[in-house]
Amino acid sequence: MKTLICDLDGVVYLGDEEIHGAGAALGRLTAAEWNIVFCTNNSTRTPTESADKIRRVTGFGASGEMVATSAQAVATLLDGESSVLVLGGRGIEEAAVERGSRIVGRWQDADTVVVGLDPGLTYERLSSAVLAVRNGARFLASNHDPSYPTPEGLRPGAGALVAAVHTATGVEPVVAGKPHPPMRKLLAARARGDVWIVGDRDDTDLAMGRAEGWNTAHVRTGVEGTPAEKPTVEVADLAALTDHLLR
């Protein structure tokens, strides 16, 4: 068996728009008995919600068990007695609770702060995270992507919020998502046989592949940029990669 570790934003879809041919490409790989693992640094959704979006946008029959998120990765750094203040989405909160941690709303009650992409960001929420970290709470980050691709262009990513908390506190976070060890550990447990990783970002997807010794595929459908090191293959999109892999 072979494994494809597949990024989502900028590879499978942009916002609510399918990258042309992505769903059909995933179906072809599944028919050829490839093990598909979706991997996303977007921590706002649960794995089930991410799978729902894949099915809705592309028609490919994804399940929550096929998805690994940076929210799950950062939750592996929590213990069952953590009191967690989340500056982020429901994906982080659910993953933390599944690990036995308790979500708190007041910065005074937090022994850990987890920062991710937060669609409901307010100055008060940002201030609470800063106050908790300055008061000694552990500072964890789901990821440090500065931006993420949408049909309109690049929007601020979790890394922009992480940078704000870091700037206000001087404290460096422990980062869990791609390409860092917590996410790599999650994925290594799911990988089977020859492993390929496909993504649009060199500093996350391809860097993680290089660190693990996996084959790397760079697609040009998301974040623009030239990889720091030459990937195994560079292709236009996931459909073109599938043609290459099944050739």
C-alpha atoms as a PDB file:
ATOM      1  CA  MET A   1       0.000   0.000   0.000  1.00  0.00           C
ATOM      2  CA  LYS A   2       1.040   3.593  -0.653  1.00  0.00           C
ATOM      3  CA  THR A   3      -0.019   6.688   1.307  1.00  0.00           C
ATOM      4  CA  LEU A   4      -0.864  10.187   0.121  1.00  0.00           C
ATOM      5  CA  ILE A   5      -0.853  12.836   2.849  1.00  0.00           C
ATOM      6  CA  CYS A   6      -2.931  15.606   1.334  1.00  0.00           C
ATOM      7  CA  ASP A   7      -3.237  19.231   2.416  1.00  0.00           C
ATOM      8  CA  LEU A   8      -6.710  20.775   2.106  1.00  0.00           C
ATOM      9  CA  ASP A   9      -6.753  24.587   1.718  1.00  0.00           C
ATOM     10  CA  GLY A  10      -5.127  25.385  -1.607  1.00  0.00           C
ATOM     11  CA  VAL A  11      -4.882  21.728  -2.701  1.00  0.00           C
ATOM     12  CA  VAL A  12      -8.379  20.216  -2.485  1.00  0.00           C
ATOM     13  CA  TYR A  13     -10.378  23.440  -2.262  1.00  0.00           C
ATOM     14  CA  LEU A  14     -10.204  27.214  -1.981  1.00  0.00           C
ATOM     15  CA  GLY A  15     -12.895  28.405   0.398  1.00  0.00           C
ATOM     16  CA  ASP A  16     -16.048  26.621  -0.780  1.00  0.00           C
ATOM     17  CA  GLU A  17     -14.731  26.066  -4.311  1.00  0.00           C
ATOM     18  CA  GLU A  18     -13.206  22.769  -5.410  1.00  0.00           C
ATOM     19  CA  ILE A  19      -9.780  22.877  -7.014  1.00  0.00           C
ATOM     20  CA  HIS A  20     -10.613  21.596 -10.482  1.00  0.00           C
ATOM     21  CA  GLY A  21     -10.523  17.792 -10.622  1.00  0.00           C
ATOM     22  CA  ALA A  22      -9.547  17.266  -6.970  1.00  0.00           C
ATOM     23  CA  GLY A  23     -12.468  15.038  -5.999  1.00  0.00           C
ATOM     24  CA  ALA A  24     -12.096  12.849  -9.072  1.00  0.00           C
ATOM     25  CA  ALA A  25      -8.340  12.557  -8.444  1.00  0.00           C
ATOM     26  CA  LEU A  26      -8.906  11.380  -4.875  1.00  0.00           C
ATOM     27  CA  GLY A  27     -11.426   8.842  -6.147  1.00  0.00           C
ATOM     28  CA  ARG A  28      -8.900   7.472  -8.632  1.00  0.00           C
ATOM     29  CA  LEU A  29      -6.270   7.065  -5.918  1.00  0.00           C
ATOM     30  CA  THR A  30      -8.724   5.305  -3.629  1.00  0.00           C
ATOM     31  CA  ALA A  31      -9.685   2.943  -6.448  1.00  0.00           C
ATOM     32  CA  ALA A  32      -5.987   2.174  -6.855  1.00  0.00           C
ATOM     33  CA  GLU A  33      -5.895   1.279  -3.120  1.00  0.00           C
ATOM     34  CA  TRP A  34      -3.911   4.283  -1.948  1.00  0.00           C
ATOM     35  CA  ASN A  35      -4.238   5.201   1.721  1.00  0.00           C
ATOM     36  CA  ILE A  36      -5.474   8.811   1.797  1.00  0.00           C
ATOM     37  CA  VAL A  37      -4.770  10.971   4.868  1.00  0.00           C
ATOM     38  CA  PHE A  38      -5.908  14.584   4.872  1.00  0.00           C
ATOM     39  CA  CYS A  39      -3.731  16.920   6.907  1.00  0.00           C
ATOM     40  CA  THR A  40      -4.635  20.521   7.677  1.00  0.00           C
ATOM     41  CA  ASN A  41      -3.211  23.289   9.820  1.00  0.00           C
ATOM     42  CA  ASN A  42      -6.689  24.847   9.896  1.00  0.00           C
ATOM     43  CA  SER A  43      -7.738  24.287  13.508  1.00  0.00           C
ATOM     44  CA  THR A  44     -11.203  25.845  13.325  1.00  0.00           C
ATOM     45  CA  ARG A  45     -12.976  22.610  12.305  1.00  0.00           C
ATOM     46  CA  THR A  46     -13.181  19.185  13.875  1.00  0.00           C
ATOM     47  CA  PRO A  47     -12.048  16.220  11.728  1.00  0.00           C
ATOM     48  CA  THR A  48     -15.705  15.332  11.104  1.00  0.00           C
ATOM     49  CA  GLU A  49     -16.480  18.891   9.974  1.00  0.00           C
ATOM     50  CA  SER A  50     -13.457  18.864   7.663  1.00  0.00           C
ATOM     51  CA  ALA A  51     -14.603  15.574   6.142  1.00  0.00           C
ATOM     52  CA  ASP A  52     -18.102  17.004   5.692  1.00  0.00           C
ATOM     53  CA  LYS A  53     -16.636  19.924   3.762  1.00  0.00           C
ATOM     54  CA  ILE A  54     -14.544  17.646   1.537  1.00  0.00           C
ATOM     55  CA  ARG A  55     -17.653  15.640   0.639  1.00  0.00           C
ATOM     56  CA  ARG A  56     -19.793  18.737   0.114  1.00  0.00           C
ATOM     57  CA  VAL A  57     -17.285  20.611  -2.048  1.00  0.00           C
ATOM     58  CA  THR A  58     -15.683  17.769  -4.032  1.00  0.00           C
ATOM     59  CA  GLY A  59     -18.029  14.788  -3.800  1.00  0.00           C
ATOM     60  CA  PHE A  60     -15.224  12.561  -2.513  1.00  0.00           C
ATOM     61  CA  GLY A  61     -16.390  10.264   0.302  1.00  0.00           C
ATOM     62  CA  ALA A  62     -14.069  11.434   3.072  1.00  0.00           C
ATOM     63  CA  SER A  63     -14.566  10.430   6.708  1.00  0.00           C
ATOM     64  CA  GLY A  64     -13.401  12.080   9.914  1.00  0.00           C
ATOM     65  CA  GLU A  65     -10.974   9.205  10.511  1.00  0.00           C
ATOM     66  CA  MET A  66      -9.108  10.266   7.367  1.00  0.00           C
ATOM     67  CA  VAL A  67      -8.396  13.788   8.686  1.00  0.00           C
ATOM     68  CA  ALA A  68      -5.579  14.988  10.948  1.00  0.00           C
ATOM     69  CA  THR A  69      -5.770  18.601  12.147  1.00  0.00           C
ATOM     70  CA  SER A  70      -3.404  20.936  13.953  1.00  0.00           C
ATOM     71  CA  ALA A  71      -6.046  21.113  16.697  1.00  0.00           C
ATOM     72  CA  GLN A  72      -5.534  17.396  17.321  1.00  0.00           C
ATOM     73  CA  ALA A  73      -1.770  17.870  17.222  1.00  0.00           C
ATOM     74  CA  VAL A  74      -1.760  20.671  19.786  1.00  0.00           C
ATOM     75  CA  ALA A  75      -4.133  18.694  22.030  1.00  0.00           C
ATOM     76  CA  THR A  76      -1.483  15.970  22.345  1.00  0.00           C
ATOM     77  CA  LEU A  77       0.590  18.528  24.279  1.00  0.00           C
ATOM     78  CA  LEU A  78      -2.128  18.900  26.940  1.00  0.00           C
ATOM     79  CA  ASP A  79      -2.603  16.755  29.995  1.00  0.00           C
ATOM     80  CA  GLY A  80      -5.923  15.788  31.526  1.00  0.00           C
ATOM     81  CA  GLU A  81      -5.758  18.459  34.201  1.00  0.00           C
ATOM     82  CA  SER A  82      -5.065  21.464  31.969  1.00  0.00           C
ATOM     83  CA  SER A  83      -7.259  24.552  32.283  1.00  0.00           C
ATOM     84  CA  VAL A  84      -7.198  25.891  28.738  1.00  0.00           C
ATOM     85  CA  LEU A  85      -8.028  29.322  27.383  1.00  0.00           C
ATOM     86  CA  VAL A  86      -8.553  29.007  23.624  1.00  0.00           C
ATOM     87  CA  LEU A  87      -7.975  31.834  21.187  1.00  0.00           C
ATOM     88  CA  GLY A  88      -9.245  29.855  18.220  1.00  0.00           C
ATOM     89  CA  GLY A  89     -12.141  27.832  16.901  1.00  0.00           C
ATOM     90  CA  ARG A  90     -14.272  24.935  18.046  1.00  0.00           C
ATOM     91  CA  GLY A  91     -11.828  22.434  16.604  1.00  0.00           C
ATOM     92  CA  ILE A  92      -9.270  23.229  19.316  1.00  0.00           C
ATOM     93  CA  GLU A  93     -11.847  23.250  22.095  1.00  0.00           C
ATOM     94  CA  GLU A  94     -13.233  19.849  21.125  1.00  0.00           C
ATOM     95  CA  ALA A  95      -9.775  18.295  20.745  1.00  0.00           C
ATOM     96  CA  ALA A  96      -8.716  19.650  24.153  1.00  0.00           C
ATOM     97  CA  VAL A  97     -11.837  18.307  25.864  1.00  0.00           C
ATOM     98  CA  GLU A  98     -11.282  14.903  24.251  1.00  0.00           C
ATOM     99  CA  ARG A  99      -7.850  14.864  25.927  1.00  0.00           C
ATOM    100  CA  GLY A 100      -9.504  15.531  29.297  1.00  0.00           C
ATOM    101  CA  SER A 101      -8.689  19.239  29.568  1.00  0.00           C
ATOM    102  CA  ARG A 102     -11.097  21.907  30.807  1.00  0.00           C
ATOM    103  CA  ILE A 103     -11.962  24.980  28.721  1.00  0.00           C
ATOM    104  CA  VAL A 104     -12.020  28.234  30.705  1.00  0.00           C
ATOM    105  CA  GLY A 105     -13.211  31.687  29.724  1.00  0.00           C
ATOM    106  CA  ARG A 106     -11.308  33.860  32.229  1.00  0.00           C
ATOM    107  CA  TRP A 107      -7.601  34.464  31.790  1.00  0.00           C
ATOM    108  CA  GLN A 108      -7.162  34.252  35.560  1.00  0.00           C
ATOM    109  CA  ASP A 109      -8.255  30.583  35.468  1.00  0.00           C
ATOM    110  CA  ALA A 110      -5.952  29.435  32.656  1.00  0.00           C
ATOM    111  CA  ASP A 111      -2.768  27.434  33.097  1.00  0.00           C
ATOM    112  CA  THR A 112      -2.469  27.009  29.308  1.00  0.00           C
ATOM    113  CA  VAL A 113      -3.285  29.239  26.344  1.00  0.00           C
ATOM    114  CA  VAL A 114      -3.797  27.675  22.914  1.00  0.00           C
ATOM    115  CA  VAL A 115      -3.823  30.015  19.921  1.00  0.00           C
ATOM    116  CA  GLY A 116      -5.095  29.121  16.457  1.00  0.00           C
ATOM    117  CA  LEU A 117      -7.104  30.685  13.675  1.00  0.00           C
ATOM    118  CA  ASP A 118      -9.989  32.538  15.350  1.00  0.00           C
ATOM    119  CA  PRO A 119     -12.841  33.685  13.068  1.00  0.00           C
ATOM    120  CA  GLY A 120     -14.515  35.316  16.106  1.00  0.00           C
ATOM    121  CA  LEU A 121     -11.445  37.335  17.091  1.00  0.00           C
ATOM    122  CA  THR A 122     -12.053  40.410  19.232  1.00  0.00           C
ATOM    123  CA  TYR A 123      -9.664  42.701  21.047  1.00  0.00           C
ATOM    124  CA  GLU A 124     -10.980  41.388  24.363  1.00  0.00           C
ATOM    125  CA  ARG A 125     -10.285  37.763  23.400  1.00  0.00           C
ATOM    126  CA  LEU A 126      -6.784  38.676  22.257  1.00  0.00           C
ATOM    127  CA  SER A 127      -6.209  40.617  25.465  1.00  0.00           C
ATOM    128  CA  SER A 128      -7.305  37.660  27.592  1.00  0.00           C
ATOM    129  CA  ALA A 129      -4.779  35.398  25.868  1.00  0.00           C
ATOM    130  CA  VAL A 130      -2.014  37.964  26.380  1.00  0.00           C
ATOM    131  CA  LEU A 131      -2.874  38.500  30.040  1.00  0.00           C
ATOM    132  CA  ALA A 132      -2.910  34.755  30.721  1.00  0.00           C
ATOM    133  CA  VAL A 133       0.497  34.219  29.112  1.00  0.00           C
ATOM    134  CA  ARG A 134       1.960  37.224  30.920  1.00  0.00           C
ATOM    135  CA  ASN A 135       0.585  35.733  34.125  1.00  0.00           C
ATOM    136  CA  GLY A 136       2.559  32.517  33.539  1.00  0.00           C
ATOM    137  CA  ALA A 137       0.214  30.336  31.468  1.00  0.00           C
ATOM    138  CA  ARG A 138       1.880  27.958  29.024  1.00  0.00           C
ATOM    139  CA  PHE A 139       1.689  29.251  25.447  1.00  0.00           C
ATOM    140  CA  LEU A 140       0.838  26.699  22.732  1.00  0.00           C
ATOM    141  CA  ALA A 141       0.068  27.357  19.064  1.00  0.00           C
ATOM    142  CA  SER A 142      -1.847  25.116  16.692  1.00  0.00           C
ATOM    143  CA  ASN A 143       0.391  26.379  13.860  1.00  0.00           C
ATOM    144  CA  HIS A 144       2.225  29.464  12.691  1.00  0.00           C
ATOM    145  CA  ASP A 145       0.986  29.818   9.102  1.00  0.00           C
ATOM    146  CA  PRO A 146       0.986  33.584   8.466  1.00  0.00           C
ATOM    147  CA  SER A 147      -1.818  33.297   5.917  1.00  0.00           C
ATOM    148  CA  TYR A 148      -4.154  30.877   4.177  1.00  0.00           C
ATOM    149  CA  PRO A 149      -5.486  30.875   0.600  1.00  0.00           C
ATOM    150  CA  THR A 150      -9.053  31.803  -0.330  1.00  0.00           C
ATOM    151  CA  PRO A 151     -10.720  32.591  -3.672  1.00  0.00           C
ATOM    152  CA  GLU A 152     -10.271  36.302  -2.858  1.00  0.00           C
ATOM    153  CA  GLY A 153      -6.574  35.941  -2.012  1.00  0.00           C
ATOM    154  CA  LEU A 154      -4.519  35.342   1.120  1.00  0.00           C
ATOM    155  CA  ARG A 155      -6.189  36.030   4.474  1.00  0.00           C
ATOM    156  CA  PRO A 156      -4.445  36.238   7.873  1.00  0.00           C
ATOM    157  CA  GLY A 157      -3.699  32.812   9.304  1.00  0.00           C
ATOM    158  CA  ALA A 158      -3.174  31.543  12.831  1.00  0.00           C
ATOM    159  CA  GLY A 159       0.425  32.703  12.679  1.00  0.00           C
ATOM    160  CA  ALA A 160      -0.741  36.319  12.611  1.00  0.00           C
ATOM    161  CA  LEU A 161      -2.546  35.812  15.942  1.00  0.00           C
ATOM    162  CA  VAL A 162       0.358  33.838  17.392  1.00  0.00           C
ATOM    163  CA  ALA A 163       2.674  36.690  16.433  1.00  0.00           C
ATOM    164  CA  ALA A 164       0.411  39.210  18.167  1.00  0.00           C
ATOM    165  CA  VAL A 165       0.499  37.262  21.446  1.00  0.00           C
ATOM    166  CA  HIS A 166       4.248  36.740  21.133  1.00  0.00           C
ATOM    167  CA  THR A 167       4.823  40.452  20.443  1.00  0.00           C
ATOM    168  CA  ALA A 168       2.745  41.486  23.470  1.00  0.00           C
ATOM    169  CA  THR A 169       4.324  38.964  25.865  1.00  0.00           C
ATOM    170  CA  GLY A 170       7.824  38.192  24.591  1.00  0.00           C
ATOM    171  CA  VAL A 171       7.043  34.481  25.111  1.00  0.00           C
ATOM    172  CA  GLU A 172       7.800  31.960  22.368  1.00  0.00           C
ATOM    173  CA  PRO A 173       5.019  29.400  21.834  1.00  0.00           C
ATOM    174  CA  VAL A 174       5.370  25.672  21.416  1.00  0.00           C
ATOM    175  CA  VAL A 175       3.985  25.019  17.916  1.00  0.00           C
ATOM    176  CA  ALA A 176       2.205  21.748  17.120  1.00  0.00           C
ATOM    177  CA  GLY A 177       1.047  21.802  13.488  1.00  0.00           C
ATOM    178  CA  LYS A 178       2.924  21.192  10.249  1.00  0.00           C
ATOM    179  CA  PRO A 179       5.930  20.838  10.067  1.00  0.00           C
ATOM    180  CA  HIS A 180       6.498  20.358  13.815  1.00  0.00           C
ATOM    181  CA  PRO A 181       6.965  17.049  15.680  1.00  0.00           C
ATOM    182  CA  PRO A 182       3.448  16.712  17.220  1.00  0.00           C
ATOM    183  CA  MET A 183       1.800  16.702  13.778  1.00  0.00           C
ATOM    184  CA  ARG A 184       4.536  14.528  12.305  1.00  0.00           C
ATOM    185  CA  LYS A 185       3.925  11.970  15.049  1.00  0.00           C
ATOM    186  CA  LEU A 186       0.184  11.916  14.319  1.00  0.00           C
ATOM    187  CA  LEU A 187       0.799  11.341  10.626  1.00  0.00           C
ATOM    188  CA  ALA A 188       3.567   8.777  11.009  1.00  0.00           C
ATOM    189  CA  ALA A 189       1.112   6.584  12.917  1.00  0.00           C
ATOM    190  CA  ARG A 190      -1.277   6.665   9.921  1.00  0.00           C
ATOM    191  CA  ALA A 191       1.223   6.307   7.082  1.00  0.00           C
ATOM    192  CA  ARG A 192       1.564   2.998   5.271  1.00  0.00           C
ATOM    193  CA  GLY A 193       4.212   1.957   2.761  1.00  0.00           C
ATOM    194  CA  ASP A 194       5.705   4.503   0.361  1.00  0.00           C
ATOM    195  CA  VAL A 195       4.569   7.966   1.507  1.00  0.00           C
ATOM    196  CA  TRP A 196       3.919  11.064  -0.591  1.00  0.00           C
ATOM    197  CA  ILE A 197       2.906  14.442   0.820  1.00  0.00           C
ATOM    198  CA  VAL A 198       1.276  17.059  -1.376  1.00  0.00           C
ATOM    199  CA  GLY A 199       0.881  20.721  -0.488  1.00  0.00           C
ATOM    200  CA  ASP A 200       1.077  24.301  -1.666  1.00  0.00           C
ATOM    201  CA  ARG A 201       3.376  25.559   1.123  1.00  0.00           C
ATOM    202  CA  ASP A 202       7.077  24.864   1.326  1.00  0.00           C
ATOM    203  CA  ASP A 203       7.437  25.902   4.966  1.00  0.00           C
ATOM    204  CA  THR A 204       4.762  23.496   6.223  1.00  0.00           C
ATOM    205  CA  ASP A 205       3.841  20.644   3.863  1.00  0.00           C
ATOM    206  CA  LEU A 206       7.117  20.157   2.030  1.00  0.00           C
ATOM    207  CA  ALA A 207       9.272  20.901   5.076  1.00  0.00           C
ATOM    208  CA  MET A 208       7.439  18.182   6.984  1.00  0.00           C
ATOM    209  CA  GLY A 209       7.944  15.741   4.144  1.00  0.00           C
ATOM    210  CA  ARG A 210      11.666  16.466   4.038  1.00  0.00           C
ATOM    211  CA  ALA A 211      11.948  16.025   7.812  1.00  0.00           C
ATOM    212  CA  GLU A 212      10.293  12.581   7.595  1.00  0.00           C
ATOM    213  CA  GLY A 213      12.068  11.440   4.434  1.00  0.00           C
ATOM    214  CA  TRP A 214       8.789  11.300   2.456  1.00  0.00           C
ATOM    215  CA  ASN A 215       8.310  12.059  -1.237  1.00  0.00           C
ATOM    216  CA  THR A 216       7.175  15.671  -1.709  1.00  0.00           C
ATOM    217  CA  ALA A 217       4.821  17.119  -4.315  1.00  0.00           C
ATOM    218  CA  HIS A 218       4.346  20.863  -4.738  1.00  0.00           C
ATOM    219  CA  VAL A 219       1.149  22.145  -6.375  1.00  0.00           C
ATOM    220  CA  ARG A 220       0.577  25.653  -7.674  1.00  0.00           C
ATOM    221  CA  THR A 221      -3.082  26.055  -6.688  1.00  0.00           C
ATOM    222  CA  GLY A 222      -2.739  27.776  -3.304  1.00  0.00           C
ATOM    223  CA  VAL A 223      -0.035  29.928  -1.753  1.00  0.00           C
ATOM    224  CA  GLU A 224       2.384  31.181  -4.391  1.00  0.00           C
ATOM    225  CA  GLY A 225       6.098  30.734  -3.928  1.00  0.00           C
ATOM    226  CA  THR A 226       9.128  28.708  -4.932  1.00  0.00           C
ATOM    227  CA  PRO A 227      10.140  25.795  -2.666  1.00  0.00           C
ATOM    228  CA  ALA A 228      13.396  26.301  -0.778  1.00  0.00           C
ATOM    229  CA  GLU A 229      14.506  22.866  -1.933  1.00  0.00           C
ATOM    230  CA  LYS A 230      13.492  21.048  -5.086  1.00  0.00           C
ATOM    231  CA  PRO A 231      10.517  18.752  -4.333  1.00  0.00           C
ATOM    232  CA  THR A 232      10.267  15.219  -5.667  1.00  0.00           C
ATOM    233  CA  VAL A 233       7.795  16.554  -8.230  1.00  0.00           C
ATOM    234  CA  GLU A 234       6.232  19.926  -9.012  1.00  0.00           C
ATOM    235  CA  VAL A 235       2.856  19.825 -10.734  1.00  0.00           C
ATOM    236  CA  ALA A 236      -0.009  22.125 -11.552  1.00  0.00           C
ATOM    237  CA  ASP A 237      -2.574  20.535  -9.251  1.00  0.00           C
ATOM    238  CA  LEU A 238      -3.739  17.385  -7.465  1.00  0.00           C
ATOM    239  CA  ALA A 239      -5.181  15.943 -10.684  1.00  0.00           C
ATOM    240  CA  ALA A 240      -1.802  16.233 -12.405  1.00  0.00           C
ATOM    241  CA  LEU A 241      -0.104  14.630  -9.413  1.00  0.00           C
ATOM    242  CA  THR A 242      -2.546  11.722  -9.583  1.00  0.00           C
ATOM    243  CA  ASP A 243      -1.687  11.227 -13.254  1.00  0.00           C
ATOM    244  CA  HIS A 244       1.983  11.074 -12.245  1.00  0.00           C
ATOM    245  CA  LEU A 245       1.436   8.665  -9.343  1.00  0.00           C
ATOM    246  CA  LEU A 246      -0.736   6.252 -11.332  1.00  0.00           C
ATOM    247  CA  ARG A 247       1.319   6.358 -14.511  1.00  0.00           C
END
